[in-house]
Every structure is written in structure tokens, then in C-alpha cells.
Amino acid sequence: MASTTEITIVTGNLYRVEGDVKEVERVILDAARGSIPELAWLVESDTGQALGINPEHVVTLRAIGP
């Protein structure tokens, strides 16, 4: 089973994405540190579709998978 991370954003919406919590954190931080505003691009674990998240809207990360 692949690692999954749950992201909560300021609206209260939850997203489950592929990757362990440290990998997801790194993608979000890298997007936030860019010289121009960037989205953190991740893959939804349920659909396999790309998901772009504004790093400024992330409230919490939680490890779901192993």
C-alpha cells in the first residue's frame, strides 16, 4: 500500500494525495518559496488526477498510509 497524506485547507476541505507526509510537505514548501506564486502540484490518491493547491491555504497535513 502506498503512502497517502491528507491535506486540510482553510475552507475545511480535505484532500488525500499520494506520497508520505514529508514528501508532500516538501512540495508545498517549495511552491511557497518560489519567486512568483506557484501551486503545489500533487496527485489525488483516489482519482489519480493532478491537484494544484495554493500553499498559503494549507492548514494541516496528516499521514494516512504506511
C-alpha atoms as a PDB file:
ATOM      1  CA  MET A   1       0.000   0.000   0.000  1.00  0.00           C
ATOM      2  CA  ALA A   2       1.353   3.422  -0.983  1.00  0.00           C
ATOM      3  CA  SER A   3       1.711   6.277   1.463  1.00  0.00           C
ATOM      4  CA  THR A   4      -1.085   8.818   1.498  1.00  0.00           C
ATOM      5  CA  THR A   5      -1.276  12.261   3.064  1.00  0.00           C
ATOM      6  CA  GLU A   6      -4.422  14.154   3.977  1.00  0.00           C
ATOM      7  CA  ILE A   7      -4.313  17.923   3.396  1.00  0.00           C
ATOM      8  CA  THR A   8      -6.769  20.284   5.078  1.00  0.00           C
ATOM      9  CA  ILE A   9      -7.116  23.766   3.603  1.00  0.00           C
ATOM     10  CA  VAL A  10      -8.602  26.939   5.116  1.00  0.00           C
ATOM     11  CA  THR A  11     -12.086  26.205   3.747  1.00  0.00           C
ATOM     12  CA  GLY A  12     -12.159  22.948   5.697  1.00  0.00           C
ATOM     13  CA  ASN A  13     -11.946  20.814   2.536  1.00  0.00           C
ATOM     14  CA  LEU A  14      -9.836  17.666   2.822  1.00  0.00           C
ATOM     15  CA  TYR A  15      -7.747  16.181   0.029  1.00  0.00           C
ATOM     16  CA  ARG A  16      -5.944  12.845   0.052  1.00  0.00           C
ATOM     17  CA  VAL A  17      -2.825  12.821  -2.080  1.00  0.00           C
ATOM     18  CA  GLU A  18      -0.128  10.313  -2.965  1.00  0.00           C
ATOM     19  CA  GLY A  19       3.145  10.493  -1.036  1.00  0.00           C
ATOM     20  CA  ASP A  20       4.289  10.431   2.545  1.00  0.00           C
ATOM     21  CA  VAL A  21       3.767  13.489   4.693  1.00  0.00           C
ATOM     22  CA  LYS A  22       7.402  14.654   4.436  1.00  0.00           C
ATOM     23  CA  GLU A  23       7.360  14.469   0.601  1.00  0.00           C
ATOM     24  CA  VAL A  24       4.078  16.395   0.442  1.00  0.00           C
ATOM     25  CA  GLU A  25       5.387  18.970   2.907  1.00  0.00           C
ATOM     26  CA  ARG A  26       8.469  19.487   0.713  1.00  0.00           C
ATOM     27  CA  VAL A  27       6.344  20.064  -2.435  1.00  0.00           C
ATOM     28  CA  ILE A  28       4.183  22.600  -0.574  1.00  0.00           C
ATOM     29  CA  LEU A  29       7.171  24.428   0.906  1.00  0.00           C
ATOM     30  CA  ASP A  30       8.976  24.542  -2.445  1.00  0.00           C
ATOM     31  CA  ALA A  31       5.900  26.091  -4.087  1.00  0.00           C
ATOM     32  CA  ALA A  32       5.588  28.639  -1.277  1.00  0.00           C
ATOM     33  CA  ARG A  33       9.236  29.689  -1.579  1.00  0.00           C
ATOM     34  CA  GLY A  34       9.145  30.412  -5.306  1.00  0.00           C
ATOM     35  CA  SER A  35       9.870  33.929  -6.548  1.00  0.00           C
ATOM     36  CA  ILE A  36       6.395  34.013  -8.108  1.00  0.00           C
ATOM     37  CA  PRO A  37       3.282  32.445  -6.610  1.00  0.00           C
ATOM     38  CA  GLU A  38       3.084  28.765  -7.545  1.00  0.00           C
ATOM     39  CA  LEU A  39       0.681  25.957  -6.838  1.00  0.00           C
ATOM     40  CA  ALA A  40       1.867  22.786  -5.142  1.00  0.00           C
ATOM     41  CA  TRP A  41       1.097  20.067  -7.702  1.00  0.00           C
ATOM     42  CA  LEU A  42       0.199  16.675  -6.235  1.00  0.00           C
ATOM     43  CA  VAL A  43      -1.761  13.573  -7.295  1.00  0.00           C
ATOM     44  CA  GLU A  44      -5.081  12.702  -5.655  1.00  0.00           C
ATOM     45  CA  SER A  45      -4.873   9.194  -4.233  1.00  0.00           C
ATOM     46  CA  ASP A  46      -8.476   8.253  -5.081  1.00  0.00           C
ATOM     47  CA  THR A  47      -8.664   9.525  -8.672  1.00  0.00           C
ATOM     48  CA  GLY A  48      -5.052   9.691  -9.843  1.00  0.00           C
ATOM     49  CA  GLN A  49      -5.719  13.196 -11.134  1.00  0.00           C
ATOM     50  CA  ALA A  50      -3.399  16.177 -10.721  1.00  0.00           C
ATOM     51  CA  LEU A  51      -4.324  18.578  -7.935  1.00  0.00           C
ATOM     52  CA  GLY A  52      -2.888  22.086  -7.553  1.00  0.00           C
ATOM     53  CA  ILE A  53      -3.045  23.550  -4.062  1.00  0.00           C
ATOM     54  CA  ASN A  54      -2.210  27.102  -3.035  1.00  0.00           C
ATOM     55  CA  PRO A  55       0.434  26.690  -0.302  1.00  0.00           C
ATOM     56  CA  GLU A  56      -0.951  29.710   1.573  1.00  0.00           C
ATOM     57  CA  HIS A  57      -4.250  27.865   2.107  1.00  0.00           C
ATOM     58  CA  VAL A  58      -2.835  24.731   3.729  1.00  0.00           C
ATOM     59  CA  VAL A  59      -3.799  24.331   7.388  1.00  0.00           C
ATOM     60  CA  THR A  60      -2.736  20.778   8.280  1.00  0.00           C
ATOM     61  CA  LEU A  61      -1.059  17.668   6.884  1.00  0.00           C
ATOM     62  CA  ARG A  62      -1.755  14.214   8.257  1.00  0.00           C
ATOM     63  CA  ALA A  63      -0.163  10.881   7.340  1.00  0.00           C
ATOM     64  CA  ILE A  64      -2.813   8.334   6.335  1.00  0.00           C
ATOM     65  CA  GLY A  65      -0.927   5.398   4.779  1.00  0.00           C
ATOM     66  CA  PRO A  66       2.047   3.360   5.947  1.00  0.00           C
END
